[in-house]
Protein backbone atom coordinates (compact mmCIF):
# COMPACT_ATOMS: atom_id res chain seq x y z
CA MET A 1 98.68 83.91 74.99
CA ARG A 2 102.43 84.65 77.63
CA SER A 3 103.01 81.28 79.53
CA GLU A 4 103.36 81.71 82.89
CA PRO A 5 107.72 81.22 83.44
CA SER A 6 108.82 78.00 85.43
CA LEU A 7 109.64 77.45 88.65
CA GLU A 8 112.29 74.99 87.74
CA LYS A 9 114.46 78.11 87.59
CA ALA A 10 114.50 78.97 90.95
CA PRO A 11 117.03 82.11 91.79
CA ARG A 12 119.97 80.53 93.25
CA HIS A 13 119.60 83.04 96.77
CA VAL A 14 116.40 84.81 98.04
CA ALA A 15 116.26 87.24 100.84
CA ILE A 16 113.27 87.93 102.84
CA ILE A 17 111.62 90.81 105.04
CA MET A 18 109.43 89.13 107.21
CA ASP A 19 107.08 92.07 108.16
CA GLY A 20 103.66 92.55 109.79
CA ASN A 21 103.48 90.12 112.31
CA GLY A 22 101.84 92.71 115.07
CA ARG A 23 99.75 94.02 112.39
CA TRP A 24 98.44 90.69 111.88
CA ALA A 25 97.56 89.69 115.58
CA LYS A 26 96.37 93.54 115.40
CA ASN A 27 93.77 92.87 112.70
CA ARG A 28 92.24 89.84 115.13
CA GLY A 29 92.55 91.55 118.11
CA MET A 30 95.31 89.43 119.22
CA LEU A 31 98.90 89.90 121.45
CA ARG A 32 101.54 90.46 119.21
CA VAL A 33 103.50 87.95 120.91
CA LEU A 34 100.78 85.97 118.62
CA GLY A 35 101.20 87.48 115.87
CA HIS A 36 104.95 87.13 116.40
CA GLN A 37 104.32 83.04 117.10
CA ALA A 38 102.19 82.85 113.82
CA GLY A 39 105.22 84.37 112.59
CA ILE A 40 107.63 81.24 113.48
CA LYS A 41 105.11 79.15 111.81
CA ALA A 42 105.33 81.01 108.82
CA THR A 43 109.03 80.72 108.13
CA ARG A 44 108.85 76.66 109.39
CA GLY A 45 107.14 76.71 106.46
CA VAL A 46 108.69 78.57 104.05
CA VAL A 47 112.07 77.29 104.35
CA ARG A 48 110.63 73.57 103.93
CA SER A 49 109.24 75.11 100.31
CA ALA A 50 112.01 76.87 99.60
CA ARG A 51 114.53 73.71 100.08
CA ARG A 52 112.14 72.09 98.12
CA ILE A 53 111.22 74.54 94.87
CA GLY A 54 115.62 74.28 94.70
CA ILE A 55 116.15 78.04 96.65
CA LYS A 56 120.17 77.13 97.19
CA TYR A 57 120.29 79.86 99.82
CA LEU A 58 117.39 81.53 101.98
CA THR A 59 118.02 84.68 104.34
CA LEU A 60 115.38 85.51 106.68
CA PHE A 61 115.46 89.04 108.84
CA ALA A 62 114.41 88.13 111.86
CA LEU A 63 115.96 90.80 113.84
CA SER A 64 117.25 94.05 113.22
CA THR A 65 119.61 96.19 115.82
CA GLU A 66 116.19 98.93 115.77
CA ASN A 67 114.37 96.13 116.30
CA LEU A 68 116.88 95.72 119.78
CA ASN A 69 114.28 98.97 121.42
CA ARG A 70 111.16 98.04 121.49
CA PRO A 71 109.42 97.31 125.30
CA LYS A 72 111.08 94.55 127.11
CA PRO A 73 108.57 92.41 127.02
CA GLU A 74 107.67 91.81 123.36
CA LEU A 75 112.00 91.63 123.17
CA ASN A 76 111.73 88.90 125.70
CA ALA A 77 109.11 87.20 124.40
CA LEU A 78 110.63 87.31 120.46
CA PHE A 79 114.60 85.90 121.95
CA ASN A 80 111.63 83.15 123.40
CA LEU A 81 110.23 82.30 120.04
CA LEU A 82 114.53 81.91 118.72
CA ARG A 83 115.05 79.67 121.53
CA GLU A 84 112.51 78.16 120.59
CA PHE A 85 113.16 77.52 116.85
CA ILE A 86 117.05 76.67 116.63
CA VAL A 87 116.20 74.40 119.79
CA LYS A 88 113.04 72.46 118.00
CA ASP A 89 114.07 72.53 114.36
CA ILE A 90 117.97 71.92 114.07
CA ALA A 91 116.79 67.87 114.15
CA GLU A 92 115.09 69.01 110.63
CA MET A 93 117.81 70.97 109.29
CA ILE A 94 120.07 68.11 110.07
CA GLU A 95 117.67 65.78 108.60
CA ASN A 96 116.97 67.36 105.66
CA ASN A 97 120.77 68.77 104.75
CA VAL A 98 120.21 72.14 105.81
CA ARG A 99 123.10 74.47 106.56
CA LEU A 100 122.61 77.30 109.65
CA ILE A 101 124.57 80.70 109.72
CA VAL A 102 123.22 83.93 111.69
CA ILE A 103 124.85 87.15 110.45
CA GLY A 104 123.98 90.16 112.69
CA ARG A 105 125.43 91.87 115.94
CA LEU A 106 125.51 88.26 118.10
CA THR A 107 127.13 89.83 120.77
CA VAL A 108 124.17 92.09 121.58
CA LEU A 109 122.41 88.79 122.79
CA PRO A 110 121.62 86.81 125.73
CA ARG A 111 124.28 84.49 126.31
CA ASP A 112 122.40 81.44 126.21
CA ILE A 113 120.96 82.35 123.03
CA GLN A 114 124.55 83.01 121.59
CA LYS A 115 125.20 79.19 122.43
CA LEU A 116 122.55 78.35 120.86
CA ILE A 117 123.34 79.76 117.94
CA ALA A 118 126.72 78.31 117.95
CA ASP A 119 125.94 75.36 118.62
CA ALA A 120 123.57 74.68 115.76
CA VAL A 121 125.81 77.20 113.31
CA SER A 122 128.54 73.96 114.08
CA ARG A 123 126.44 71.05 113.97
CA THR A 124 125.38 71.63 109.80
CA ARG A 125 128.52 73.24 109.37
CA LYS A 126 129.42 70.83 106.20
CA LEU A 127 125.86 70.07 105.37
CA LYS A 128 125.14 71.52 101.77
CA LYS A 129 121.34 70.63 100.31
CA MET A 130 120.60 74.96 101.71
CA THR A 131 121.98 77.39 103.22
CA LEU A 132 119.68 78.84 106.06
CA VAL A 133 120.92 82.37 106.76
CA ILE A 134 119.03 83.99 109.61
CA ALA A 135 120.39 88.08 110.56
CA ILE A 136 119.13 88.76 114.21
CA ALA A 137 120.38 91.83 115.77
CA TYR A 138 121.87 93.09 112.19
CA GLY A 139 121.65 96.17 110.65
CA GLY A 140 122.93 96.45 106.76
CA ARG A 141 124.68 99.97 107.88
CA ASP A 142 126.17 98.75 111.33
CA GLU A 143 127.89 94.63 109.24
CA ILE A 144 129.13 98.01 106.67
CA VAL A 145 131.00 99.93 109.88
CA ARG A 146 131.87 96.25 110.90
CA ALA A 147 133.65 95.32 108.25
CA ALA A 148 135.48 98.62 107.55
CA GLU A 149 136.89 98.06 111.27
CA LYS A 150 137.75 95.05 110.26
CA PHE A 151 139.60 96.28 107.13
CA ALA A 152 141.33 98.99 109.51
CA ALA A 153 142.46 96.32 111.55
CA SER A 154 143.86 93.53 109.22
CA GLY A 155 146.68 96.11 108.19
CA ARG A 156 145.94 95.83 104.17
CA LYS A 157 146.24 99.35 101.93
CA LYS A 158 145.07 98.08 99.45
CA LEU A 159 140.61 97.70 99.20
CA SER A 160 138.58 96.47 96.43
CA GLN A 161 134.61 95.28 95.67
CA LYS A 162 135.56 91.63 96.18
CA ALA A 163 137.89 92.27 99.43
CA PHE A 164 135.64 94.46 101.22
CA SER A 165 132.76 91.76 100.41
CA GLN A 166 134.84 89.04 102.31
CA MET A 167 134.76 91.16 105.40
CA LEU A 168 131.45 91.02 105.55
CA ASP A 169 128.89 88.49 108.24
CA THR A 170 127.66 87.43 104.40
CA ALA A 171 131.31 85.64 103.22
CA GLY A 172 131.04 82.85 101.39
CA ILE A 173 127.51 83.84 100.81
CA PRO A 174 126.32 84.80 96.50
CA ASP A 175 124.44 88.31 97.07
CA PRO A 176 120.69 87.77 96.40
CA ASP A 177 119.05 87.48 93.26
CA LEU A 178 115.46 88.19 94.85
CA LEU A 179 114.40 90.03 97.78
CA VAL A 180 111.05 89.70 99.36
CA ARG A 181 109.23 91.82 101.63
CA THR A 182 105.97 91.09 103.30
CA GLY A 183 103.66 93.64 105.01
CA ASP A 184 103.42 95.89 101.87
CA GLU A 185 106.43 98.04 102.77
CA LEU A 186 108.16 99.72 99.82
CA ARG A 187 111.47 99.76 101.29
CA ILE A 188 114.61 96.96 102.48
CA SER A 189 114.71 98.82 105.99
CA ASN A 190 118.51 98.83 105.95
CA PHE A 191 118.50 95.07 105.40
CA LEU A 192 121.54 93.78 103.21
CA VAL A 193 122.30 96.83 102.21
CA TRP A 194 126.10 96.32 100.25
CA GLN A 195 124.19 92.67 98.60
CA SER A 196 121.81 94.26 97.20
CA ALA A 197 122.99 96.45 94.91
CA TYR A 198 121.42 94.37 91.68
CA THR A 199 119.14 92.36 93.80
CA GLU A 200 115.63 92.43 92.73
CA LEU A 201 112.88 93.69 95.05
CA TYR A 202 109.59 92.00 95.33
CA PHE A 203 107.03 93.82 97.23
CA THR A 204 103.55 91.62 98.34
CA LYS A 205 100.96 93.01 100.93
CA THR A 206 100.98 90.10 102.17
CA LEU A 207 101.34 90.21 105.88
CA TRP A 208 104.03 87.52 107.23
CA PRO A 209 101.85 84.92 108.94
CA ASP A 210 99.89 84.83 105.73
CA PHE A 211 102.68 84.11 103.58
CA SER A 212 102.42 80.36 102.07
CA LYS A 213 104.66 78.73 99.41
CA ARG A 214 102.08 79.62 97.19
CA HIS A 215 103.03 83.40 98.04
CA LEU A 216 106.96 82.42 97.51
CA GLN A 217 106.25 81.26 94.50
CA LYS A 218 104.28 83.54 92.70
CA ALA A 219 107.05 85.53 93.98
CA VAL A 220 109.83 83.23 92.45
CA ARG A 221 107.41 82.95 88.68
CA GLU A 222 107.60 87.21 89.05
CA PHE A 223 111.44 86.70 89.16
CA ASN A 224 111.94 84.67 86.38
CA ALA A 225 109.86 87.56 84.26
CA ARG A 226 112.33 89.70 84.80
CA GLU A 227 115.53 90.33 82.53
CA ARG A 228 118.86 91.31 84.74
CA ARG A 229 120.82 93.40 82.43
CA TYR A 230 123.68 94.09 85.22
CA GLY A 231 124.22 97.49 83.41
CA LEU A 232 124.30 95.95 79.80
CA THR A 233 121.55 95.89 77.14
CA SER A 234 119.21 93.58 76.22
CA GLU A 235 121.05 92.49 72.47
CA GLN A 236 124.49 92.43 74.66
CA LEU A 237 123.36 89.67 76.98
CA SER A 238 121.10 87.78 73.99
CA PRO A 239 123.13 88.88 70.95
CA LYS A 240 121.97 87.93 67.89
CA LYS A 241 123.49 85.53 65.42
CA GLN A 242 125.16 87.24 62.61
CA ALA A 243 123.81 86.40 59.18
């Protein structure tokens, strides 16, 4: 009988598309904002669980560039929850040695949120146990365009994949090993387009507010059961000893 893969082999970097807050609320006859509030609670739990499991980098897709076109009342509610998350959770991040990085087109955010982000990032920049990356006003294609503009402005003529990666918002962050999407949608929705070239994908029907440590562990076990070949054969990865 096949043994259960161990959680001891936690992927170095897990990225999560946190989807399903609105549907979670609708299923319960609640306002969408209450679904987002429940989603924040789930986020706190998953960040704590990831740290305890041993995940070194956790990237959460909080707000896409497309989400900025949502109705203004909902967008304002999302911004208020973001303010609350940063203000209330910064102390816990510092206590648990968690560094915060925020990626995306941050200049489109309200000025007070930009200041809160800059302060939180500065206060945690030397922490090393885990890095929490939050993608806000983020789109993968937008990131690539901004990186291309940065390269053009640099005056450099020769471009390599490694050099281009350093132009991205995620410069210095390893590519995700595992990308999890909740909410029963089977796409990556313009998230970490460049970085996910060889990322393992895991989809679950669980709506984000219901996603817990148990669900994260299940995703990690599934990841550990897979063989990552990066274009090679199994034999190349684990060559048999010559007689």
